[in-house]
Amino acid sequence: MFGPSRGRPTQQLRISEKYASVGKIGEGTYGLVYKARHVQSSPGSAVGDPSSRAESFVAVKRFKSFKSGDGISPTAIREIKLLRELKNRYIVDLVDVMLDEADKALYLVFDYAEHDLLEMIRWHHNRASQPMQMPTVKSLLWQILHGMNYLHKNWIIHRDLKPSNILVTGQDKPPNERGCVKIADFGLARLFQAPLRPLTDVDAVVVTIWYRAPELLLGAKHYTKAIDLWAIGCIFAELITSKPLFQGQEKERKGDDRNPFQADQIDKIFRILGKPTLEQWPGAADLPNWTHAQSWQAYPCVLHERIRGLPKNSAGYDLLSKLLEYDPNKRITAENALRHPFFQEEPRPQRVAFIDPNVDPYKSRPVTPLDPKKDIGWAMSATASGSNGQTPMTRSIPQSAAPSLTSAPPPSKRAKKVAS
């Protein structure tokens, strides 16, 4: 929720007055991400009461400045709209939202996680003799599925699952909280309904190409939460092998073609899983790009040869095969995946993924010093002033002014509030 200040004016603060930046830790098309420390709490906290976080780090996501009249980006609104009501151990925690009137930028403040799966996979990739151990793989996968089951039960499709969007807590947390998954980046997430509406109207392209389900690659206009499970299957394989399973070359979008046929990516999938038949996947013939797939030869399935860490007759391989099922109607759900025998075998999955919770085996996230030209919110803290001689302020957004998850027409089975 957006804090105890609901219905009351909030105290205005510069971002630098509330959070002390340690440096920059990421950059994307949306803007920049900083590592910071909470230095001041106020009655006008935007999300919850961060006073108990005074000694902990936060991640501050700064969206690019918006021009006058353009408003806040739809991606940011979508992320706030969902995360302000989601509360789950395996979902990233949004703790503050601030709008900077000086640089016209929106800041989202999250509880800090030291690692992400991409960084952890690279660590093992660079040390071929040290693959990720199965207890860690199993615990990470189990946590991801728990987080996804929570989202899907609350009618939310993430639509952009990939290793860099799955954070993992590290050495800055107490031992019983290290190695905990936090699913992040809800900029493409959507509420879904039954019966399903077309979900391609707003975003023609969803899911990073290596983790994109075959129904999306073949042009599906209606798709389901099954696309998230395909992505989880790709991530599961990558945790074991330390490299992407389907590493296709993306075809660039040109002109009005917002979603070109990604022939190389579908070829990579067919060469590993085999070309699907209509007996395997009856609905494939109805997909717009299925005609393109007719020219491919009938490759055999060689998945077991690519995933050496999972014997073909093992429970782990069976679960991976069910996650990478071609037909989305047959693909295993997050709820059923959690019941799979793989998680009943020893070693059993844990709520924290590191084998020794007292030891974080991975390096801390690299931090880049601030750039005064880009990192305006902090760089201007000592010098900036408004046209009237007053220092431009950053204001926390109270709950009443923030976009609400429940403002959208809910599916008939959806509770008014998101259940935990």
Protein backbone atom coordinates (compact mmCIF):
# COMPACT_ATOMS: atom_id res chain seq x y z
CA MET A 1 0.00 0.00 0.00
CA PHE A 2 1.07 3.57 -0.52
CA GLY A 3 1.78 4.38 3.10
CA PRO A 4 0.17 5.87 6.15
CA SER A 5 -0.19 9.26 4.46
CA ARG A 6 -3.32 8.33 2.50
CA GLY A 7 -5.55 11.36 2.05
CA ARG A 8 -2.98 13.77 3.54
CA PRO A 9 -0.40 15.98 1.86
CA THR A 10 3.03 14.33 1.77
CA GLN A 11 6.29 15.95 2.76
CA GLN A 12 8.34 16.92 -0.30
CA LEU A 13 11.92 15.70 -0.45
CA ARG A 14 14.68 15.50 -3.01
CA ILE A 15 15.61 11.93 -3.91
CA SER A 16 19.07 12.64 -2.46
CA GLU A 17 17.56 13.69 0.88
CA LYS A 18 15.80 10.38 1.34
CA TYR A 19 18.30 8.02 -0.31
CA ALA A 20 22.10 8.25 -0.46
CA SER A 21 23.34 6.78 -3.74
CA VAL A 22 26.21 4.30 -3.66
CA GLY A 23 26.43 4.21 -7.47
CA LYS A 24 24.87 2.89 -10.66
CA ILE A 25 24.23 -0.85 -11.04
CA GLY A 26 22.22 -1.11 -14.25
CA GLU A 27 20.91 0.59 -17.36
CA GLY A 28 18.15 -0.25 -19.83
CA THR A 29 15.78 1.24 -22.38
CA TYR A 30 13.60 2.51 -19.52
CA GLY A 31 16.41 4.38 -17.70
CA LEU A 32 18.91 3.67 -14.91
CA VAL A 33 19.14 1.62 -11.71
CA TYR A 34 21.12 2.73 -8.65
CA LYS A 35 22.20 1.13 -5.42
CA ALA A 36 21.37 3.42 -2.52
CA ARG A 37 20.95 3.52 1.23
CA HIS A 38 17.90 4.83 3.03
CA VAL A 39 18.97 7.89 5.00
CA GLN A 40 15.70 9.50 6.04
CA SER A 41 12.13 8.37 6.68
CA SER A 42 9.14 10.63 6.70
CA PRO A 43 5.43 10.42 7.43
CA GLY A 44 4.90 10.75 3.67
CA SER A 45 6.50 7.47 2.68
CA ALA A 46 4.96 6.34 -0.58
CA VAL A 47 4.85 2.60 -0.06
CA GLY A 48 4.83 1.22 3.44
CA ASP A 49 6.93 2.56 6.28
CA PRO A 50 10.64 2.35 5.35
CA SER A 51 11.87 3.55 8.74
CA SER A 52 12.84 -0.01 9.65
CA ARG A 53 15.06 -0.12 6.53
CA ALA A 54 17.39 2.66 7.68
CA GLU A 55 20.49 0.48 7.64
CA SER A 56 19.62 -1.58 4.53
CA PHE A 57 20.29 -0.99 0.85
CA VAL A 58 17.65 -0.28 -1.78
CA ALA A 59 17.62 -0.38 -5.58
CA VAL A 60 16.35 2.85 -7.14
CA LYS A 61 14.97 2.56 -10.68
CA ARG A 62 14.94 5.94 -12.44
CA PHE A 63 12.73 6.13 -15.50
CA LYS A 64 13.81 8.47 -18.27
CA SER A 65 12.63 12.05 -17.95
CA PHE A 66 9.27 12.67 -19.54
CA LYS A 67 8.44 15.73 -21.63
CA SER A 68 5.78 18.14 -20.50
CA GLY A 69 2.39 16.76 -21.45
CA ASP A 70 3.64 13.23 -22.14
CA GLY A 71 3.01 11.97 -18.63
CA ILE A 72 4.57 8.96 -16.92
CA SER A 73 5.54 6.02 -19.15
CA PRO A 74 2.99 3.19 -19.44
CA THR A 75 5.72 0.74 -18.40
CA ALA A 76 6.21 2.55 -15.09
CA ILE A 77 2.47 2.87 -14.47
CA ARG A 78 2.03 -0.85 -15.14
CA GLU A 79 4.82 -1.75 -12.72
CA ILE A 80 3.45 0.48 -9.94
CA LYS A 81 -0.10 -0.67 -10.56
CA LEU A 82 0.80 -4.32 -9.96
CA LEU A 83 3.59 -4.16 -7.41
CA ARG A 84 1.78 -1.84 -5.01
CA GLU A 85 -0.61 -4.70 -4.19
CA LEU A 86 1.56 -7.79 -4.70
CA LYS A 87 3.05 -9.17 -1.50
CA ASN A 88 4.95 -12.43 -1.65
CA ARG A 89 8.33 -13.66 -0.44
CA TYR A 90 9.42 -14.40 -4.01
CA ILE A 91 8.28 -11.12 -5.61
CA VAL A 92 10.43 -7.99 -5.47
CA ASP A 93 9.22 -5.53 -2.82
CA LEU A 94 8.33 -2.00 -3.99
CA VAL A 95 9.00 0.26 -0.99
CA ASP A 96 8.72 3.80 -2.37
CA VAL A 97 7.63 5.84 -5.40
CA MET A 98 8.92 9.38 -5.92
CA LEU A 99 8.30 11.92 -8.68
CA ASP A 100 11.16 14.39 -9.18
CA GLU A 101 9.96 17.82 -10.24
CA ALA A 102 13.50 18.99 -11.04
CA ASP A 103 14.50 16.43 -13.67
CA LYS A 104 10.94 15.27 -14.48
CA ALA A 105 11.78 11.67 -13.67
CA LEU A 106 9.98 8.93 -11.80
CA TYR A 107 11.89 6.89 -9.20
CA LEU A 108 10.75 3.45 -8.05
CA VAL A 109 12.52 2.20 -4.92
CA PHE A 110 12.85 -1.55 -4.29
CA ASP A 111 14.28 -3.70 -1.56
CA TYR A 112 17.84 -4.51 -2.68
CA ALA A 113 19.00 -7.90 -4.01
CA GLU A 114 22.74 -8.40 -4.50
CA HIS A 115 22.54 -10.83 -7.43
CA ASP A 116 20.50 -11.89 -10.44
CA LEU A 117 20.43 -15.27 -12.16
CA LEU A 118 22.24 -13.93 -15.24
CA GLU A 119 25.21 -12.89 -13.13
CA MET A 120 25.19 -16.21 -11.25
CA ILE A 121 25.01 -18.24 -14.48
CA ARG A 122 27.91 -16.25 -15.95
CA TRP A 123 29.95 -16.96 -12.82
CA HIS A 124 29.56 -20.70 -13.45
CA HIS A 125 29.99 -20.35 -17.23
CA ASN A 126 33.42 -18.80 -16.63
CA ARG A 127 34.31 -21.71 -14.35
CA ALA A 128 33.48 -24.75 -16.47
CA SER A 129 34.67 -27.11 -13.75
CA GLN A 130 32.21 -25.62 -11.25
CA PRO A 131 28.64 -26.05 -12.52
CA MET A 132 25.84 -24.89 -10.26
CA GLN A 133 25.15 -27.65 -7.75
CA MET A 134 21.81 -29.43 -7.98
CA PRO A 135 20.61 -28.41 -4.47
CA THR A 136 21.01 -24.76 -5.52
CA VAL A 137 19.37 -25.32 -8.94
CA LYS A 138 16.44 -27.13 -7.35
CA SER A 139 15.92 -24.48 -4.66
CA LEU A 140 16.08 -21.62 -7.19
CA LEU A 141 13.60 -23.35 -9.52
CA TRP A 142 11.26 -24.18 -6.63
CA GLN A 143 11.25 -20.54 -5.48
CA ILE A 144 10.65 -19.24 -9.03
CA LEU A 145 7.69 -21.60 -9.40
CA HIS A 146 6.28 -20.49 -6.05
CA GLY A 147 6.45 -16.85 -7.12
CA MET A 148 4.92 -17.64 -10.50
CA ASN A 149 2.14 -19.72 -8.94
CA TYR A 150 1.27 -16.71 -6.76
CA LEU A 151 1.12 -14.43 -9.82
CA HIS A 152 -0.94 -16.83 -11.91
CA LYS A 153 -3.42 -17.49 -9.09
CA ASN A 154 -3.92 -13.73 -9.02
CA TRP A 155 -4.50 -13.56 -12.80
CA ILE A 156 -1.16 -12.00 -13.70
CA ILE A 157 1.12 -13.07 -16.57
CA HIS A 158 4.68 -11.77 -16.18
CA ARG A 159 5.53 -11.96 -19.92
CA ASP A 160 9.25 -11.19 -19.58
CA LEU A 161 10.86 -13.91 -17.50
CA LYS A 162 14.60 -14.24 -18.09
CA PRO A 163 17.65 -14.67 -15.84
CA SER A 164 18.33 -10.94 -15.48
CA ASN A 165 14.77 -10.38 -14.20
CA ILE A 166 15.11 -12.93 -11.41
CA LEU A 167 16.99 -11.39 -8.49
CA VAL A 168 18.62 -13.30 -5.64
CA THR A 169 19.44 -11.86 -2.23
CA GLY A 170 23.04 -11.95 -1.03
CA GLN A 171 25.52 -11.15 1.71
CA ASP A 172 23.83 -7.92 2.81
CA LYS A 173 20.89 -9.94 4.21
CA PRO A 174 20.73 -12.09 7.37
CA PRO A 175 21.80 -15.74 6.77
CA ASN A 176 18.20 -17.00 6.71
CA GLU A 177 17.36 -14.54 3.90
CA ARG A 178 20.35 -15.13 1.60
CA GLY A 179 19.76 -16.96 -1.65
CA CYS A 180 16.09 -15.96 -1.84
CA VAL A 181 14.54 -15.41 -5.28
CA LYS A 182 12.81 -12.11 -6.06
CA ILE A 183 10.97 -12.00 -9.39
CA ALA A 184 11.35 -8.48 -10.79
CA ASP A 185 10.58 -6.18 -13.74
CA PHE A 186 6.81 -6.09 -14.18
CA GLY A 187 6.86 -3.57 -17.03
CA LEU A 188 5.29 -6.07 -19.45
CA ALA A 189 3.09 -7.90 -16.92
CA ARG A 190 -0.64 -8.09 -17.62
CA LEU A 191 -3.87 -9.10 -15.97
CA PHE A 192 -5.53 -11.89 -17.93
CA GLN A 193 -9.15 -12.97 -18.03
CA ALA A 194 -11.24 -15.97 -18.93
CA PRO A 195 -12.34 -16.12 -21.69
CA LEU A 196 -9.08 -14.65 -22.93
CA ARG A 197 -8.98 -11.49 -24.98
CA PRO A 198 -6.24 -10.95 -27.59
CA LEU A 199 -3.18 -9.77 -25.69
CA THR A 200 -1.22 -8.47 -28.70
CA ASP A 201 -3.07 -5.18 -29.14
CA VAL A 202 -0.72 -3.10 -27.00
CA ASP A 203 2.56 -5.03 -27.04
CA ALA A 204 3.22 -6.97 -30.22
CA VAL A 205 6.46 -8.38 -28.85
CA VAL A 206 6.70 -9.86 -25.38
CA VAL A 207 9.36 -12.05 -23.76
CA THR A 208 13.04 -11.79 -24.69
CA ILE A 209 13.55 -13.98 -27.76
CA TRP A 210 15.61 -16.80 -26.18
CA TYR A 211 12.82 -17.39 -23.63
CA ARG A 212 9.87 -16.84 -25.99
CA ALA A 213 7.36 -19.69 -26.21
CA PRO A 214 6.76 -21.36 -29.60
CA GLU A 215 3.13 -20.20 -29.75
CA LEU A 216 4.38 -16.60 -29.59
CA LEU A 217 7.02 -17.25 -32.25
CA LEU A 218 4.33 -18.74 -34.49
CA GLY A 219 2.17 -15.63 -34.13
CA ALA A 220 -0.46 -16.54 -31.53
CA LYS A 221 -2.94 -13.71 -30.94
CA HIS A 222 -4.34 -15.36 -27.82
CA TYR A 223 -1.89 -16.76 -25.33
CA THR A 224 -1.96 -17.81 -21.71
CA LYS A 225 0.10 -18.04 -18.55
CA ALA A 226 1.77 -21.05 -20.20
CA ILE A 227 4.24 -18.64 -21.85
CA ASP A 228 5.75 -17.99 -18.40
CA LEU A 229 6.23 -21.72 -17.82
CA TRP A 230 8.10 -22.12 -21.11
CA ALA A 231 10.46 -19.34 -20.03
CA ILE A 232 10.97 -21.08 -16.68
CA GLY A 233 11.86 -24.27 -18.55
CA CYS A 234 14.50 -22.37 -20.53
CA ILE A 235 15.88 -20.91 -17.29
CA PHE A 236 15.93 -24.35 -15.62
CA ALA A 237 18.06 -25.72 -18.48
CA GLU A 238 20.35 -22.69 -18.32
CA LEU A 239 20.93 -23.11 -14.59
CA ILE A 240 22.17 -26.65 -15.26
CA THR A 241 24.31 -26.01 -18.37
CA SER A 242 25.40 -22.39 -17.67
CA LYS A 243 24.38 -21.32 -21.19
CA PRO A 244 21.11 -20.46 -22.97
CA LEU A 245 19.27 -23.46 -24.39
CA PHE A 246 17.76 -21.77 -27.47
CA GLN A 247 20.19 -19.05 -28.50
CA GLY A 248 18.66 -17.72 -31.73
CA GLN A 249 19.53 -14.60 -33.70
CA GLU A 250 16.76 -12.02 -33.46
CA LYS A 251 15.40 -10.50 -36.65
CA GLU A 252 15.06 -6.73 -36.39
CA ARG A 253 11.69 -5.06 -36.63
CA LYS A 254 11.32 -2.87 -39.72
CA GLY A 255 8.60 -0.43 -40.68
CA ASP A 256 5.10 -1.57 -39.82
CA ASP A 257 6.19 -5.14 -39.15
CA ARG A 258 6.13 -5.04 -35.34
CA ASN A 259 6.53 -8.77 -34.91
CA PRO A 260 8.57 -10.36 -37.73
CA PHE A 261 8.78 -14.13 -37.97
CA GLN A 262 11.82 -15.20 -35.94
CA ALA A 263 12.95 -18.06 -38.17
CA ASP A 264 16.33 -18.59 -36.51
CA GLN A 265 14.82 -18.85 -33.03
CA ILE A 266 12.18 -21.37 -34.05
CA ASP A 267 14.89 -23.31 -35.90
CA LYS A 268 16.97 -23.50 -32.69
CA ILE A 269 13.96 -24.92 -30.84
CA PHE A 270 13.10 -27.45 -33.56
CA ARG A 271 16.71 -28.69 -33.72
CA ILE A 272 16.70 -29.51 -29.98
CA LEU A 273 13.10 -30.53 -29.25
CA GLY A 274 12.29 -31.87 -32.71
CA LYS A 275 9.73 -30.43 -35.11
CA PRO A 276 6.24 -30.79 -33.58
CA THR A 277 3.54 -32.74 -35.38
CA LEU A 278 -0.12 -31.81 -35.42
CA GLU A 279 -0.75 -34.91 -33.31
CA GLN A 280 1.52 -33.43 -30.63
CA TRP A 281 0.15 -29.92 -30.99
CA PRO A 282 -3.26 -29.82 -32.76
CA GLY A 283 -3.63 -26.05 -32.39
CA ALA A 284 -0.39 -25.28 -34.23
CA ALA A 285 -2.09 -25.39 -37.64
CA ASP A 286 -4.22 -22.37 -36.66
CA LEU A 287 -1.23 -20.14 -35.90
CA PRO A 288 -0.35 -17.48 -38.52
CA ASN A 289 3.29 -18.53 -38.91
CA TRP A 290 2.74 -22.30 -38.97
CA THR A 291 2.97 -22.27 -42.78
CA HIS A 292 6.55 -20.97 -42.47
CA ALA A 293 7.42 -23.98 -40.33
CA GLN A 294 6.36 -26.51 -42.96
CA SER A 295 9.67 -26.20 -44.79
CA TRP A 296 11.70 -27.46 -41.80
CA GLN A 297 12.82 -31.06 -41.80
CA ALA A 298 11.62 -33.42 -39.09
CA TYR A 299 14.42 -33.14 -36.56
CA PRO A 300 14.52 -35.69 -33.71
CA CYS A 301 14.42 -34.56 -30.08
CA VAL A 302 17.96 -34.30 -28.67
CA LEU A 303 17.16 -32.44 -25.45
CA HIS A 304 18.76 -35.17 -23.33
CA GLU A 305 22.05 -34.67 -25.20
CA ARG A 306 22.07 -30.94 -24.40
CA ILE A 307 21.23 -31.32 -20.71
CA ARG A 308 23.96 -33.66 -19.50
CA GLY A 309 23.26 -32.84 -15.86
CA LEU A 310 19.81 -34.49 -16.03
CA PRO A 311 19.68 -38.18 -17.02
CA LYS A 312 16.86 -38.92 -19.46
CA ASN A 313 15.07 -41.22 -17.00
CA SER A 314 15.31 -38.76 -14.07
CA ALA A 315 12.47 -36.80 -12.46
CA GLY A 316 14.32 -33.57 -13.24
CA TYR A 317 14.39 -34.34 -16.96
CA ASP A 318 10.69 -35.23 -16.87
CA LEU A 319 9.86 -31.87 -15.28
CA LEU A 320 11.99 -30.02 -17.83
CA SER A 321 10.20 -31.83 -20.67
CA LYS A 322 6.81 -30.86 -19.23
CA LEU A 323 7.89 -27.19 -18.95
CA LEU A 324 9.09 -27.29 -22.59
CA GLU A 325 5.92 -28.94 -23.91
CA TYR A 326 5.04 -27.50 -27.34
CA ASP A 327 1.28 -27.44 -26.81
CA PRO A 328 0.49 -24.68 -24.27
CA ASN A 329 -2.69 -26.54 -23.29
CA LYS A 330 -0.57 -29.52 -22.19
CA ARG A 331 2.31 -27.55 -20.67
CA ILE A 332 2.59 -28.07 -16.93
CA THR A 333 1.28 -25.29 -14.67
CA ALA A 334 3.29 -23.71 -11.86
CA GLU A 335 0.97 -25.30 -9.30
CA ASN A 336 1.41 -28.80 -10.74
CA ALA A 337 5.15 -28.30 -11.22
CA LEU A 338 5.52 -27.67 -7.48
CA ARG A 339 3.91 -31.08 -6.88
CA HIS A 340 6.26 -32.85 -9.29
CA PRO A 341 8.31 -35.78 -7.90
CA PHE A 342 11.51 -33.85 -8.67
CA PHE A 343 10.88 -31.72 -5.59
CA GLN A 344 10.10 -34.76 -3.42
CA GLU A 345 13.50 -36.33 -4.05
CA GLU A 346 16.60 -35.62 -2.01
CA PRO A 347 18.06 -33.09 -1.82
CA ARG A 348 14.79 -31.31 -1.04
CA PRO A 349 14.42 -27.66 -2.14
CA GLN A 350 15.01 -24.92 0.42
CA ARG A 351 13.60 -21.44 1.03
CA VAL A 352 17.15 -20.16 0.53
CA ALA A 353 19.25 -21.43 -2.37
CA PHE A 354 22.83 -21.19 -1.08
CA ILE A 355 24.07 -24.51 0.31
CA ASP A 356 25.78 -22.73 3.21
CA PRO A 357 23.66 -19.69 4.17
CA ASN A 358 26.68 -18.19 5.92
CA VAL A 359 28.62 -18.11 2.65
CA ASP A 360 27.56 -16.13 -0.43
CA PRO A 361 29.72 -17.68 -3.20
CA TYR A 362 29.05 -14.94 -5.75
CA LYS A 363 30.70 -11.57 -6.21
CA SER A 364 28.85 -8.42 -5.21
CA ARG A 365 27.13 -6.57 -8.02
CA PRO A 366 29.56 -4.08 -9.67
CA VAL A 367 28.77 -0.45 -8.86
CA THR A 368 29.66 2.43 -11.23
CA PRO A 369 30.32 5.93 -9.82
CA LEU A 370 27.68 8.56 -10.55
CA ASP A 371 27.84 10.59 -13.76
CA PRO A 372 26.79 14.23 -13.07
CA LYS A 373 25.37 14.51 -16.61
CA LYS A 374 23.13 11.44 -16.37
CA ASP A 375 22.48 10.97 -12.67
CA ILE A 376 20.68 14.26 -12.25
CA GLY A 377 18.60 13.43 -9.20
CA TRP A 378 21.66 13.03 -6.98
CA ALA A 379 24.17 15.17 -8.86
CA MET A 380 22.03 18.29 -8.56
CA SER A 381 21.27 17.82 -4.88
CA ALA A 382 23.75 20.43 -3.68
CA THR A 383 23.40 22.97 -6.50
CA ALA A 384 20.06 22.79 -8.29
CA SER A 385 17.40 25.40 -7.72
CA GLY A 386 14.10 26.26 -9.30
CA SER A 387 13.22 29.44 -11.16
CA ASN A 388 11.90 31.02 -7.96
CA GLY A 389 15.10 30.33 -6.06
CA GLN A 390 13.62 27.35 -4.22
CA THR A 391 15.19 23.92 -4.51
CA PRO A 392 13.10 21.71 -6.82
CA MET A 393 11.48 18.94 -4.83
CA THR A 394 10.76 15.27 -5.26
CA ARG A 395 7.38 14.23 -3.97
CA SER A 396 6.24 10.86 -2.76
CA ILE A 397 3.07 9.66 -4.46
CA PRO A 398 0.27 8.97 -1.96
CA GLN A 399 -1.96 5.98 -2.43
CA SER A 400 -4.92 8.01 -3.62
CA ALA A 401 -2.90 9.42 -6.53
CA ALA A 402 -1.24 6.19 -7.60
CA PRO A 403 -2.58 3.80 -10.22
CA SER A 404 -4.49 0.92 -8.68
CA LEU A 405 -4.54 -2.73 -9.62
CA THR A 406 -8.21 -2.90 -8.73
CA SER A 407 -9.08 0.01 -11.05
CA ALA A 408 -9.07 -2.41 -14.00
CA PRO A 409 -12.19 -4.52 -14.57
CA PRO A 410 -11.31 -7.76 -12.74
CA PRO A 411 -11.94 -11.26 -14.07
CA SER A 412 -15.02 -12.84 -12.54
CA LYS A 413 -12.94 -15.21 -10.41
CA ARG A 414 -10.50 -12.57 -9.23
CA ALA A 415 -10.70 -11.23 -5.67
CA LYS A 416 -10.95 -7.49 -5.26
CA LYS A 417 -7.57 -7.50 -3.53
CA VAL A 418 -4.63 -9.64 -4.55
CA ALA A 419 -4.46 -12.66 -2.27
CA SER A 420 -1.23 -13.74 -0.70
